[in-house]
Structures are given as structure tokens and as C-alpha cells.
């Protein structure tokens, strides 16, 4: 899993039937300190995240395992909203 910050929402009125009812987020993949490693990645959302929140993003085949994203065409899914990140000693 990777850490990401939600920066926006994607609205698509015409889409694959499997995506109907699924929220799509724009996220920046970051490191634990918040440095952007990969900007503007679109992910499906199964945890109800909003703009400004940090999330955990599952990618690849793991992105299709959560109940809310099972069987849909997605490369990445926000699976948890991060409460806190603690580093070091």
C-alpha cells in the first residue's frame, strides 16, 4: 500500500457500467513526510475520503479485493483514511 493525499474528485457521467455508483478521487502519492512522489493519480474510493485527507491506496490486483471495488476495472483503490503517521524513535 501507498500513502496519498486526496486533491480532488473526478466526475464522469459516461463510464463503464461497473464504475456506476463508485466515487473517483484524484490523489497525490506521497512519502510519509508528505513529499509528492506521483501527482494526480485517479483511484476508486471505498472509504468515503474527502479532499485534504490522507489515505492508504492499494494498487494492482489488491485494488480489486475490497468489497466495495470487487470486480471493477481499477488500478488503485483508497482503502483507508489515515488518522496518524508516526515515524522514528
Protein backbone atom coordinates (compact mmCIF):
# COMPACT_ATOMS: atom_id res chain seq x y z
CA UNK A 1 0.00 0.00 0.00
CA UNK A 2 0.99 3.59 -0.53
CA UNK A 3 0.24 6.86 1.26
CA UNK A 4 -1.67 9.51 -0.71
CA UNK A 5 -3.35 12.87 -0.19
CA UNK A 6 -6.74 13.48 -1.80
CA UNK A 7 -6.59 16.57 -4.01
CA UNK A 8 -9.86 16.33 -5.93
CA UNK A 9 -12.79 14.34 -7.26
CA UNK A 10 -13.42 13.06 -10.79
CA UNK A 11 -16.95 13.27 -12.20
CA UNK A 12 -17.70 11.08 -15.23
CA UNK A 13 -21.30 10.82 -16.40
CA UNK A 14 -20.48 8.29 -19.12
CA UNK A 15 -18.43 5.37 -17.82
CA UNK A 16 -18.17 1.60 -17.68
CA UNK A 17 -21.24 0.12 -16.01
CA UNK A 18 -19.02 -1.41 -13.29
CA UNK A 19 -17.99 2.10 -12.19
CA UNK A 20 -21.54 3.40 -11.77
CA UNK A 21 -22.03 4.37 -8.12
CA UNK A 22 -18.32 4.44 -7.35
CA UNK A 23 -16.62 7.66 -6.26
CA UNK A 24 -13.40 8.51 -8.09
CA UNK A 25 -10.70 10.57 -6.37
CA UNK A 26 -7.62 12.41 -7.60
CA UNK A 27 -4.73 11.76 -5.21
CA UNK A 28 -1.06 12.63 -4.98
CA UNK A 29 1.04 9.63 -3.92
CA UNK A 30 3.38 10.86 -1.17
CA UNK A 31 6.06 9.67 1.19
CA UNK A 32 5.46 9.68 4.96
CA UNK A 33 6.65 13.30 5.21
CA UNK A 34 4.16 14.47 2.57
CA UNK A 35 6.56 14.92 -0.36
CA UNK A 36 4.71 14.22 -3.62
CA UNK A 37 6.18 11.22 -5.41
CA UNK A 38 3.48 10.77 -8.06
CA UNK A 39 0.95 13.54 -8.74
CA UNK A 40 -2.64 13.26 -9.99
CA UNK A 41 -3.47 9.56 -9.77
CA UNK A 42 -7.14 8.59 -10.12
CA UNK A 43 -8.32 5.96 -7.62
CA UNK A 44 -11.65 4.43 -6.69
CA UNK A 45 -12.84 5.17 -3.15
CA UNK A 46 -14.32 2.61 -0.76
CA UNK A 47 -13.74 4.52 2.48
CA UNK A 48 -15.53 7.85 1.91
CA UNK A 49 -12.43 10.05 1.81
CA UNK A 50 -12.58 13.76 1.04
CA UNK A 51 -10.27 16.44 -0.30
CA UNK A 52 -7.33 17.10 2.03
CA UNK A 53 -7.42 13.72 3.76
CA UNK A 54 -4.57 11.23 3.69
CA UNK A 55 -5.48 7.72 2.55
CA UNK A 56 -3.90 4.31 2.07
CA UNK A 57 -4.02 3.23 -1.56
CA UNK A 58 -3.96 -0.41 -2.62
CA UNK A 59 -2.82 -0.95 -6.19
CA UNK A 60 -2.69 -3.67 -8.80
CA UNK A 61 -4.74 -6.81 -8.20
CA UNK A 62 -5.08 -5.85 -4.50
CA UNK A 63 -7.11 -2.79 -5.57
CA UNK A 64 -9.93 -5.10 -6.66
CA UNK A 65 -10.09 -7.12 -3.41
CA UNK A 66 -12.05 -4.76 -1.09
CA UNK A 67 -15.78 -5.47 -1.08
CA UNK A 68 -16.59 -2.02 -2.49
CA UNK A 69 -14.32 -2.46 -5.50
CA UNK A 70 -14.60 -6.17 -6.19
CA UNK A 71 -14.71 -6.90 -9.88
CA UNK A 72 -14.44 -3.32 -11.15
CA UNK A 73 -11.86 -2.01 -13.59
CA UNK A 74 -9.44 -0.17 -11.31
CA UNK A 75 -5.69 0.03 -10.86
CA UNK A 76 -5.84 1.70 -7.45
CA UNK A 77 -8.33 1.97 -4.58
CA UNK A 78 -8.36 4.18 -1.47
CA UNK A 79 -9.00 1.59 1.25
CA UNK A 80 -8.47 3.55 4.49
CA UNK A 81 -8.39 7.12 5.80
CA UNK A 82 -5.17 7.73 7.74
CA UNK A 83 -5.56 9.10 11.28
CA UNK A 84 -1.88 9.46 12.10
CA UNK A 85 1.59 8.56 10.84
CA UNK A 86 4.35 8.11 13.44
CA UNK A 87 7.98 7.87 12.33
CA UNK A 88 11.28 7.27 14.06
CA UNK A 89 12.01 6.96 17.73
